[in-house]
Protein backbone atom coordinates (compact mmCIF):
# COMPACT_ATOMS: atom_id res chain seq x y z
CA MET A 1 -5.98 19.31 -6.95
CA ILE A 2 -4.79 15.73 -7.14
CA GLU A 3 -6.03 13.31 -9.78
CA LEU A 4 -5.80 9.70 -8.58
CA TYR A 5 -5.83 6.79 -11.01
CA ALA A 6 -6.53 3.61 -9.08
CA PHE A 7 -8.47 0.38 -8.65
CA ALA A 8 -9.44 -1.65 -5.55
CA THR A 9 -6.00 -3.22 -5.16
CA PRO A 10 -3.64 -3.49 -2.18
CA ASN A 11 -1.26 -1.02 -3.78
CA SER A 12 -3.91 1.48 -4.85
CA VAL A 13 -5.74 1.70 -1.52
CA LYS A 14 -2.71 3.16 0.26
CA VAL A 15 -2.95 6.42 -1.65
CA PRO A 16 -6.56 7.40 -0.91
CA ILE A 17 -5.98 6.40 2.71
CA LEU A 18 -3.21 8.97 2.99
CA LEU A 19 -5.19 11.55 1.00
CA GLU A 20 -8.14 11.07 3.35
CA GLU A 21 -5.88 11.33 6.39
CA LEU A 22 -4.53 14.59 4.97
CA GLY A 23 -7.98 15.97 4.17
CA ALA A 24 -6.73 16.60 0.65
CA GLU A 25 -8.90 17.49 -2.32
CA TYR A 26 -8.69 14.76 -4.94
CA ALA A 27 -10.61 13.10 -7.73
CA VAL A 28 -10.60 9.36 -8.40
CA HIS A 29 -10.34 8.01 -11.93
CA PRO A 30 -11.06 4.26 -11.86
CA VAL A 31 -8.70 2.09 -13.90
CA ASN A 32 -10.22 -1.37 -14.29
CA ILE A 33 -7.20 -3.65 -14.35
CA ARG A 34 -9.40 -6.70 -14.88
CA GLN A 35 -10.37 -5.23 -18.25
CA GLY A 36 -6.81 -4.20 -19.09
CA GLU A 37 -7.38 -0.45 -18.84
CA GLN A 38 -3.91 -0.02 -17.34
CA LYS A 39 -2.45 -1.08 -20.71
CA THR A 40 -4.26 1.48 -22.86
CA PRO A 41 -2.16 4.12 -24.68
CA GLU A 42 -3.81 6.84 -22.60
CA PHE A 43 -2.83 5.26 -19.29
CA LEU A 44 0.64 4.28 -20.49
CA ARG A 45 1.31 7.96 -21.14
CA LEU A 46 0.85 8.45 -17.39
CA ASN A 47 2.77 5.35 -16.34
CA PRO A 48 4.78 3.47 -18.97
CA ASN A 49 5.00 0.57 -16.48
CA GLY A 50 1.25 0.02 -16.82
CA LYS A 51 0.51 -0.14 -13.09
CA VAL A 52 -1.85 1.57 -10.65
CA PRO A 53 -1.83 3.77 -8.65
CA VAL A 54 -0.77 7.01 -10.31
CA ILE A 55 -1.31 10.58 -9.15
CA VAL A 56 -1.17 13.82 -11.10
CA ASP A 57 -0.67 16.78 -8.77
CA SER A 58 -1.54 20.09 -10.44
CA GLU A 59 0.46 21.90 -7.75
CA GLY A 60 3.75 20.04 -7.77
CA PRO A 61 7.26 21.38 -7.20
CA ALA A 62 7.60 25.06 -8.14
CA GLY A 63 3.84 25.12 -8.71
CA GLN A 64 4.11 22.92 -11.79
CA PRO A 65 2.07 19.76 -12.46
CA ILE A 66 3.80 16.47 -11.68
CA THR A 67 2.93 12.83 -12.27
CA VAL A 68 4.07 10.31 -9.65
CA THR A 69 3.93 6.52 -9.96
CA GLU A 70 4.69 3.63 -7.56
CA SER A 71 2.65 3.56 -4.37
CA ALA A 72 5.58 3.92 -1.97
CA ALA A 73 6.96 6.86 -3.94
CA ILE A 74 3.53 8.51 -3.94
CA LEU A 75 3.25 8.13 -0.16
CA ILE A 76 6.69 9.70 0.34
CA TYR A 77 5.89 12.53 -2.08
CA LEU A 78 2.63 13.42 -0.32
CA ALA A 79 4.10 13.09 3.16
CA GLU A 80 7.08 15.27 2.27
CA LYS A 81 4.87 17.85 0.56
CA THR A 82 2.52 18.20 3.52
CA GLY A 83 4.96 17.54 6.36
CA ARG A 84 2.65 14.89 7.85
CA PHE A 85 2.83 11.16 8.59
CA LEU A 86 6.60 11.07 8.11
CA ALA A 87 8.94 12.36 10.78
CA ARG A 88 11.30 15.06 9.53
CA GLU A 89 14.31 13.68 11.41
CA GLY A 90 15.49 11.20 13.99
CA GLU A 91 14.87 7.53 14.53
CA ALA A 92 11.16 7.75 13.71
CA ARG A 93 12.06 8.86 10.17
CA VAL A 94 14.60 6.06 9.79
CA ARG A 95 12.10 3.46 11.01
CA ALA A 96 9.37 4.78 8.71
CA PHE A 97 11.62 4.29 5.69
CA GLU A 98 12.80 0.93 6.98
CA TRP A 99 9.27 -0.46 7.22
CA LEU A 100 8.15 1.26 4.05
CA PHE A 101 10.84 -0.60 2.13
CA PHE A 102 10.11 -3.79 4.06
CA HIS A 103 6.63 -3.62 2.54
CA ALA A 104 7.91 -2.78 -0.95
CA ALA A 105 10.64 -5.43 -1.12
CA GLY A 106 9.36 -8.11 1.27
CA LEU A 107 5.79 -8.33 2.45
CA GLY A 108 4.05 -6.96 -0.65
CA PRO A 109 5.81 -9.20 -3.20
CA ALA A 110 5.42 -12.24 -0.95
CA PHE A 111 1.68 -11.67 -0.50
CA GLY A 112 1.21 -10.99 -4.20
CA GLN A 113 3.06 -14.09 -5.37
CA SER A 114 1.41 -16.24 -2.71
CA GLY A 115 -2.00 -15.21 -4.02
CA TYR A 116 -1.02 -15.60 -7.66
CA PHE A 117 0.33 -19.13 -7.39
CA GLN A 118 -2.56 -20.30 -5.20
CA LYS A 119 -5.42 -18.67 -7.11
CA LEU A 120 -4.46 -17.34 -10.53
CA ALA A 121 -1.68 -19.49 -11.99
CA PRO A 122 -2.75 -21.58 -15.03
CA GLU A 123 -1.74 -24.76 -13.19
CA PRO A 124 -0.62 -25.60 -9.64
CA ILE A 125 3.11 -25.38 -8.98
CA PRO A 126 3.56 -26.86 -5.50
CA ALA A 127 7.12 -25.58 -5.02
CA ALA A 128 6.08 -22.02 -5.85
CA ILE A 129 3.02 -22.22 -3.61
CA GLU A 130 5.11 -23.50 -0.71
CA ARG A 131 7.83 -20.90 -1.30
CA PHE A 132 5.67 -17.80 -1.51
CA HIS A 133 2.96 -18.79 0.97
CA GLY A 134 5.71 -19.57 3.45
CA GLU A 135 7.36 -16.22 2.75
CA ALA A 136 4.07 -14.37 3.21
CA LYS A 137 3.62 -15.95 6.63
CA ARG A 138 7.26 -15.37 7.54
CA THR A 139 7.20 -11.65 6.72
CA LEU A 140 4.00 -11.24 8.71
CA LYS A 141 5.74 -12.81 11.72
CA VAL A 142 8.65 -10.40 11.30
CA MET A 143 6.16 -7.55 11.40
CA ASP A 144 4.50 -9.10 14.44
CA GLY A 145 7.82 -9.07 16.27
CA ARG A 146 8.18 -5.34 15.66
CA LEU A 147 4.61 -4.64 16.77
CA ALA A 148 5.18 -6.55 19.98
CA GLN A 149 7.52 -3.69 20.91
CA VAL A 150 5.76 -0.61 19.53
CA GLU A 151 2.22 0.59 18.80
CA TYR A 152 2.99 1.48 15.19
CA LEU A 153 5.83 0.44 12.91
CA ALA A 154 7.80 3.68 13.19
CA GLY A 155 6.69 4.26 16.77
CA GLU A 156 3.99 6.68 15.64
CA TYR A 157 1.37 6.29 12.91
CA SER A 158 3.05 6.98 9.57
CA ILE A 159 3.12 6.13 5.89
CA ALA A 160 4.89 2.89 6.87
CA ASP A 161 1.67 1.69 8.51
CA ILE A 162 -0.45 2.82 5.57
CA ALA A 163 1.81 0.99 3.12
CA ASN A 164 1.78 -2.31 5.00
CA PHE A 165 -1.96 -2.04 5.69
CA GLY A 166 -2.71 -2.22 1.96
CA TRP A 167 -1.57 -5.81 1.47
CA ILE A 168 -2.80 -7.02 4.85
CA TRP A 169 -6.22 -5.59 3.97
CA ARG A 170 -6.21 -8.14 1.12
CA ARG A 171 -4.59 -10.93 3.17
CA ALA A 172 -7.25 -13.46 2.10
CA PHE A 173 -5.82 -13.30 -1.42
CA ALA A 174 -2.51 -14.61 -0.03
CA ASN A 175 -4.36 -17.11 2.19
CA VAL A 176 -2.88 -15.59 5.33
CA ASP A 177 -4.58 -14.87 8.65
CA PHE A 178 -3.70 -13.53 12.09
CA ALA A 179 -3.69 -16.87 13.92
CA GLU A 180 0.02 -16.64 14.73
CA THR A 181 0.41 -12.85 14.72
CA PRO A 182 -1.67 -11.29 17.51
CA HIS A 183 0.28 -8.03 17.51
CA VAL A 184 -0.41 -7.54 13.81
CA ALA A 185 -4.09 -8.25 14.55
CA ARG A 186 -4.12 -5.53 17.23
CA TRP A 187 -2.36 -3.06 14.92
CA TYR A 188 -4.67 -3.85 12.00
CA ALA A 189 -7.81 -3.36 14.08
CA ALA A 190 -6.57 0.02 15.32
CA ILE A 191 -5.87 1.23 11.78
CA GLU A 192 -9.05 -0.20 10.29
CA ALA A 193 -11.04 1.77 12.87
CA ARG A 194 -9.65 5.10 11.63
CA PRO A 195 -12.37 7.03 9.71
CA ALA A 196 -10.03 7.64 6.76
CA ILE A 197 -9.85 3.92 6.02
CA GLY A 198 -13.54 3.45 5.33
CA ARG A 199 -13.74 6.60 3.25
CA ALA A 200 -10.72 5.60 1.15
CA ILE A 201 -11.98 2.09 0.47
CA ALA A 202 -15.39 3.45 -0.53
CA LYS A 203 -13.75 5.91 -2.94
CA ILE A 204 -12.03 3.14 -4.92
CA GLY A 205 -14.89 0.65 -4.67
CA GLY A 206 -13.11 -1.79 -2.39
C-alpha cells in the first residue's frame, strides 16, 4: 500500500498519474500548502524540506517501509519497482532520464518562477518577469523541437512525459500557451486524453 501526501500542484499531480497508470493501490492524504500544512512538525518528519509530494511505501526494498520525496525521484522509484514506464536499457532509457532531468532542472523551475514573479511577488520586478517568462517559453520551444521528431519524449510514453505534463498542465500560472508550440499541443492532448489523467487529477482535487 502506498500513502501519498500531495496537493493540486504541478509537482504533486505527476505521482497519482503514474500510480493510476500502474493500477496501484494508494491512499491520498491532502496537504494544504496554502494553509502551511507542509511546514507542520508531522509533515516535516516525512520530508524535512517541507515540500509535496511524498510517498510512504509499506512494501519498499527488502519488504521494509520506505519514504520517498521529490517528484522525479518518486517517479523513478515507482517505475523501477514495477518495471513499467521506464525502459530497462538502450536509448529509450537514456532519453527518459534526459527529459526527466530537463523538466527538473529547466522547464519546471522556469514555469514556477515565471508564475511567481508575474502573480505572487509582493511587487513587480520587470527584469525577473522578463527573464523567467522568457525562459518558460524558451524551454517549451526546446520541448516542441523534440516532439516534432517523436511521438513521446523518450520515443515511447514514459515517466519523462508524466513529469513534464505536470507543469504544462498548470501552464496558465506561468502565462504560457501553445501558440508557438504545436507539437507540444499535440503531445499534451494525447496525454490528457488518457483515462489515468482524469482519475489522478480528481484524486488530488485539481
